Amino acid sequence: MIIQHLLLFLTPSLSPSPCRSLTTFLQLLSLAASSAGEQVTLSCLAATKRTVGGFWFFDQSGQQIHSRQSYSLKTASFKLTATAASAGEYTCVYFVEDAGQEIPSNRSLPLSVKVQAAPTAPTLSLDPQQQVYRPGSYVKLLCSIPAPSGDVKEVQYYADVGFAVSIRVSNVKIYSYNLSLTGEELSGSYSCTYSVMKSERPVRSERSRVVHVNVKSHKISWIPEIIVGASFFTINGLIFFFSHCLMKRRDLKEQLQRD
């Protein structure tokens, strides 16, 4: 998901209170999200010289979603996770204390947060495609991008073994990254994303499906053969020994019968 707004200042709205009009600003700081799960920061500004008692944040249904109590600063912030469900309008209120009572300001004008889907995920494949790779070999991670090649500015690769790299690109539909398989520790699941420019900032795509790389060293294969061979000779030796004993016993019996 991406947040379309980068920075917004709201004109204050005024309303009478038991003391005086209290003015509130709500702004969206420039920590804009580029994909689902990232965060933006809503900042509420109290335009007053009086001591602030705290802040409240509200969603478009009017439900309070965050509060800062016993908070004397003139600004309070709330981090919002960018999802489809978080799209909507937000407002804030601060309050001062007078004669033991909390006197709220008028609500700020609503701040609209618009969320749209991230670019379509790319496809990741391996070249060569093998069940097992040996240490010291290479494999190409091919990230196929569905977006127009001129829009793509970066390609990112990830792995569950802690591997992550970002490469700036230009006019590509398939980007190839040569992964050096130095050892079995590089076995794992790999994926990729790409970034395009929207509203003059990079926006990251959904992540591709994972591919699996299995790195295994050569094993000493002659040990099982020795074991099998030794077993063969042991069994055949026992057969020969018992056959020889039976033959000698039969010859001795025939000799005794003749005598």
Protein backbone atom coordinates (compact mmCIF):
# COMPACT_ATOMS: atom_id res chain seq x y z
CA MET A 1 0.00 0.00 0.00
CA ILE A 2 1.12 3.61 -0.43
CA ILE A 3 0.14 6.81 1.28
CA GLN A 4 -0.48 9.51 -1.30
CA HIS A 5 -0.08 12.55 1.00
CA LEU A 6 3.38 13.65 2.11
CA LEU A 7 2.78 16.79 4.15
CA LEU A 8 -0.48 18.57 4.98
CA PHE A 9 -1.18 21.57 7.22
CA LEU A 10 -4.76 22.16 8.32
CA THR A 11 -6.34 25.54 8.85
CA PRO A 12 -7.41 25.74 12.50
CA SER A 13 -11.07 25.79 13.43
CA LEU A 14 -12.23 27.79 16.40
CA SER A 15 -15.03 27.34 18.87
CA PRO A 16 -15.87 29.03 22.16
CA SER A 17 -15.07 27.24 25.41
CA PRO A 18 -15.61 28.10 29.08
CA CYS A 19 -12.22 29.88 28.99
CA ARG A 20 -11.34 30.97 25.46
CA SER A 21 -11.12 29.54 21.96
CA LEU A 22 -8.55 26.74 21.75
CA THR A 23 -7.04 26.10 18.31
CA THR A 24 -5.79 22.74 17.03
CA PHE A 25 -3.73 21.76 14.00
CA LEU A 26 -3.34 18.24 12.64
CA GLN A 27 -0.57 17.45 10.19
CA LEU A 28 0.84 14.38 8.49
CA LEU A 29 4.60 14.37 8.78
CA SER A 30 6.78 13.45 5.83
CA LEU A 31 7.34 9.89 7.09
CA ALA A 32 5.15 8.59 4.28
CA ALA A 33 4.55 4.86 3.86
CA SER A 34 5.44 3.18 0.60
CA SER A 35 3.90 -0.23 1.25
CA ALA A 36 1.58 -2.05 3.62
CA GLY A 37 2.96 -2.41 7.14
CA GLU A 38 4.96 0.82 7.05
CA GLN A 39 4.00 3.81 9.14
CA VAL A 40 3.10 7.49 8.87
CA THR A 41 3.09 9.96 11.73
CA LEU A 42 0.09 12.16 12.61
CA SER A 43 1.14 15.21 14.63
CA CYS A 44 -1.31 17.34 16.64
CA LEU A 45 -0.26 20.95 17.35
CA ALA A 46 -1.78 22.97 20.20
CA ALA A 47 -1.88 26.67 19.26
CA THR A 48 -2.06 28.04 22.80
CA LYS A 49 0.21 29.58 25.41
CA ARG A 50 -1.58 27.76 28.19
CA THR A 51 -0.33 24.53 29.75
CA VAL A 52 -1.60 21.56 27.78
CA GLY A 53 -3.04 18.63 29.74
CA GLY A 54 -3.08 16.07 26.93
CA PHE A 55 -4.15 15.10 23.40
CA TRP A 56 -6.76 12.84 21.78
CA PHE A 57 -6.77 11.42 18.24
CA PHE A 58 -9.94 10.27 16.44
CA ASP A 59 -10.73 8.31 13.29
CA GLN A 60 -13.49 9.15 10.80
CA SER A 61 -16.13 7.33 12.84
CA GLY A 62 -15.39 9.63 15.76
CA GLN A 63 -13.82 6.84 17.82
CA GLN A 64 -10.83 7.77 19.92
CA ILE A 65 -7.82 5.81 18.66
CA HIS A 66 -5.01 7.32 20.70
CA SER A 67 -4.49 9.60 23.70
CA ARG A 68 -1.63 11.29 25.53
CA GLN A 69 -2.53 12.16 29.11
CA SER A 70 -0.50 14.31 31.53
CA TYR A 71 1.40 15.61 28.56
CA SER A 72 2.54 19.24 28.79
CA LEU A 73 4.23 19.68 25.38
CA LYS A 74 2.54 21.62 22.59
CA THR A 75 2.79 18.75 20.10
CA ALA A 76 1.82 15.07 20.30
CA SER A 77 2.33 12.42 17.64
CA PHE A 78 0.63 9.17 16.72
CA LYS A 79 2.08 6.54 14.35
CA LEU A 80 -0.42 5.01 11.96
CA THR A 81 0.22 1.73 10.11
CA ALA A 82 -0.59 1.96 6.40
CA THR A 83 -3.24 -0.60 5.45
CA ALA A 84 -6.42 -0.52 3.41
CA ALA A 85 -8.38 -0.32 6.67
CA SER A 86 -6.42 2.75 7.82
CA ALA A 87 -7.60 4.90 4.90
CA GLY A 88 -9.93 7.69 5.98
CA GLU A 89 -10.09 11.00 7.82
CA TYR A 90 -8.45 11.78 11.16
CA THR A 91 -8.84 14.60 13.67
CA CYS A 92 -7.28 15.55 16.98
CA VAL A 93 -8.13 17.51 20.15
CA TYR A 94 -6.05 18.79 23.03
CA PHE A 95 -7.26 19.94 26.41
CA VAL A 96 -6.21 22.30 29.20
CA GLU A 97 -7.16 22.13 32.83
CA ASP A 98 -9.11 24.92 34.55
CA ALA A 99 -10.41 24.69 38.10
CA GLY A 100 -9.88 20.92 38.05
CA GLN A 101 -11.81 20.43 34.82
CA GLU A 102 -10.55 19.29 31.41
CA ILE A 103 -11.47 21.88 28.80
CA PRO A 104 -11.13 20.48 25.25
CA SER A 105 -10.22 22.46 22.17
CA ASN A 106 -12.31 22.37 19.06
CA ARG A 107 -11.42 19.42 16.82
CA SER A 108 -8.93 20.05 14.09
CA LEU A 109 -10.11 20.02 10.51
CA PRO A 110 -10.06 16.42 9.21
CA LEU A 111 -6.89 15.11 7.63
CA SER A 112 -7.52 12.67 4.78
CA VAL A 113 -5.25 9.63 4.43
CA LYS A 114 -5.65 7.86 1.09
CA VAL A 115 -4.27 4.36 0.54
CA GLN A 116 -3.91 2.59 -2.79
CA ALA A 117 -2.62 -0.84 -3.78
CA ALA A 118 1.11 -1.37 -4.25
CA PRO A 119 2.45 -2.35 -7.72
CA THR A 120 1.96 -5.96 -8.79
CA ALA A 121 4.50 -8.46 -7.46
CA PRO A 122 7.32 -9.61 -9.78
CA THR A 123 8.21 -13.25 -10.56
CA LEU A 124 11.48 -14.73 -9.29
CA SER A 125 13.20 -17.72 -10.93
CA LEU A 126 16.61 -19.45 -10.81
CA ASP A 127 19.14 -20.07 -13.57
CA PRO A 128 20.20 -22.82 -13.59
CA GLN A 129 17.25 -24.48 -11.88
CA GLN A 130 18.62 -27.33 -9.77
CA GLN A 131 17.53 -29.42 -6.81
CA VAL A 132 20.96 -29.08 -5.18
CA TYR A 133 23.78 -26.57 -5.67
CA ARG A 134 27.41 -27.14 -4.66
CA PRO A 135 29.49 -24.64 -2.64
CA GLY A 136 31.62 -22.52 -4.94
CA SER A 137 29.02 -22.42 -7.71
CA TYR A 138 26.77 -19.54 -8.83
CA VAL A 139 23.06 -19.17 -9.41
CA LYS A 140 21.27 -16.30 -11.14
CA LEU A 141 18.24 -14.77 -9.36
CA LEU A 142 16.01 -13.60 -12.24
CA CYS A 143 13.44 -11.00 -11.16
CA SER A 144 10.80 -10.52 -13.90
CA ILE A 145 9.01 -7.17 -13.55
CA PRO A 146 5.45 -6.62 -14.87
CA ALA A 147 5.66 -2.80 -14.76
CA PRO A 148 6.81 -0.70 -17.75
CA SER A 149 10.62 -0.87 -17.82
CA GLY A 150 11.03 2.91 -17.85
CA ASP A 151 9.23 3.25 -14.50
CA VAL A 152 11.44 0.83 -12.57
CA LYS A 153 14.17 2.48 -10.50
CA GLU A 154 15.33 -0.23 -8.09
CA VAL A 155 15.22 -4.01 -7.64
CA GLN A 156 15.47 -5.56 -4.19
CA TYR A 157 16.35 -9.14 -3.20
CA TYR A 158 15.66 -10.79 0.17
CA ALA A 159 16.41 -14.12 1.87
CA ASP A 160 15.42 -15.71 5.15
CA VAL A 161 19.13 -16.22 5.89
CA GLY A 162 19.57 -12.45 6.39
CA PHE A 163 20.56 -11.63 2.82
CA ALA A 164 19.18 -8.32 1.45
CA VAL A 165 20.40 -6.12 -1.39
CA SER A 166 19.01 -3.18 -3.38
CA ILE A 167 20.24 -2.35 -6.90
CA ARG A 168 19.48 0.79 -8.89
CA VAL A 169 18.36 -0.08 -12.43
CA SER A 170 17.16 1.61 -15.60
CA ASN A 171 14.96 0.28 -18.44
CA VAL A 172 14.83 -3.36 -17.31
CA LYS A 173 12.12 -6.00 -17.54
CA ILE A 174 14.20 -8.87 -16.13
CA TYR A 175 17.04 -8.20 -13.72
CA SER A 176 19.65 -10.90 -13.10
CA TYR A 177 21.60 -11.04 -9.84
CA ASN A 178 24.53 -13.48 -9.63
CA LEU A 179 24.50 -15.12 -6.22
CA SER A 180 27.81 -16.68 -5.19
CA LEU A 181 27.08 -19.85 -3.21
CA THR A 182 30.04 -19.83 -0.85
CA GLY A 183 28.62 -22.42 1.53
CA GLU A 184 25.63 -24.30 2.92
CA GLU A 185 24.71 -21.27 5.06
CA LEU A 186 23.21 -19.67 1.93
CA SER A 187 20.54 -22.36 1.69
CA GLY A 188 17.11 -20.79 2.14
CA SER A 189 14.14 -19.00 0.56
CA TYR A 190 14.69 -15.99 -1.71
CA SER A 191 12.29 -13.32 -3.03
CA CYS A 192 12.40 -9.97 -4.84
CA THR A 193 10.57 -6.65 -5.20
CA TYR A 194 10.98 -3.56 -7.37
CA SER A 195 10.40 0.17 -6.89
CA VAL A 196 8.72 2.62 -9.26
CA MET A 197 8.31 6.39 -9.02
CA LYS A 198 4.88 7.71 -8.04
CA SER A 199 4.22 11.31 -7.02
CA GLU A 200 7.98 11.93 -7.23
CA ARG A 201 8.91 9.26 -4.69
CA PRO A 202 9.79 5.55 -4.85
CA VAL A 203 6.99 3.07 -4.19
CA ARG A 204 7.83 -0.58 -3.54
CA SER A 205 5.90 -3.45 -5.12
CA GLU A 206 4.42 -6.46 -3.43
CA ARG A 207 6.98 -9.22 -2.81
CA SER A 208 7.38 -12.11 -5.24
CA ARG A 209 6.75 -15.72 -4.32
CA VAL A 210 9.81 -17.35 -2.81
CA VAL A 211 12.19 -19.71 -4.55
CA HIS A 212 14.32 -22.22 -2.65
CA VAL A 213 18.09 -22.62 -2.94
CA ASN A 214 19.56 -25.80 -1.46
CA VAL A 215 23.35 -25.79 -1.06
CA LYS A 216 25.06 -29.05 -0.04
CA SER A 217 28.69 -30.11 0.10
CA HIS A 218 29.97 -33.31 -1.57
CA LYS A 219 29.78 -36.26 0.81
CA ILE A 220 32.35 -39.11 1.04
CA SER A 221 30.52 -41.75 -0.98
CA TRP A 222 32.98 -44.67 -0.63
CA ILE A 223 32.28 -45.27 3.08
CA PRO A 224 28.87 -46.95 2.48
CA GLU A 225 30.46 -49.01 -0.31
CA ILE A 226 33.17 -50.26 2.05
CA ILE A 227 30.53 -51.22 4.60
CA VAL A 228 28.47 -53.05 1.99
CA GLY A 229 31.56 -54.78 0.57
CA ALA A 230 32.77 -55.85 4.00
CA SER A 231 29.34 -57.27 4.81
CA PHE A 232 29.36 -59.20 1.51
CA PHE A 233 32.73 -60.80 2.20
CA THR A 234 31.81 -61.56 5.82
CA ILE A 235 28.61 -63.35 4.85
CA ASN A 236 30.27 -65.29 2.03
CA GLY A 237 33.16 -66.23 4.31
CA LEU A 238 30.75 -67.67 6.89
CA ILE A 239 28.92 -69.65 4.18
CA PHE A 240 32.23 -71.08 2.95
CA PHE A 241 33.35 -71.96 6.50
CA PHE A 242 30.14 -73.85 7.37
CA SER A 243 30.12 -75.62 4.00
CA HIS A 244 33.70 -76.75 4.53
CA CYS A 245 32.88 -78.08 8.03
CA LEU A 246 29.89 -80.04 6.71
CA MET A 247 31.94 -81.59 3.94
CA LYS A 248 34.67 -82.70 6.36
CA ARG A 249 32.06 -84.18 8.69
CA ARG A 250 30.49 -86.14 5.82
CA ASP A 251 33.87 -87.51 4.62
CA LEU A 252 34.73 -88.63 8.17
CA LYS A 253 31.39 -90.44 8.49
CA GLU A 254 31.91 -92.31 5.19
CA GLN A 255 35.41 -93.36 6.23
CA LEU A 256 34.15 -94.79 9.54
CA GLN A 257 31.44 -96.78 7.73
CA ARG A 258 34.06 -98.42 5.43
CA ASP A 259 36.21 -99.40 8.40
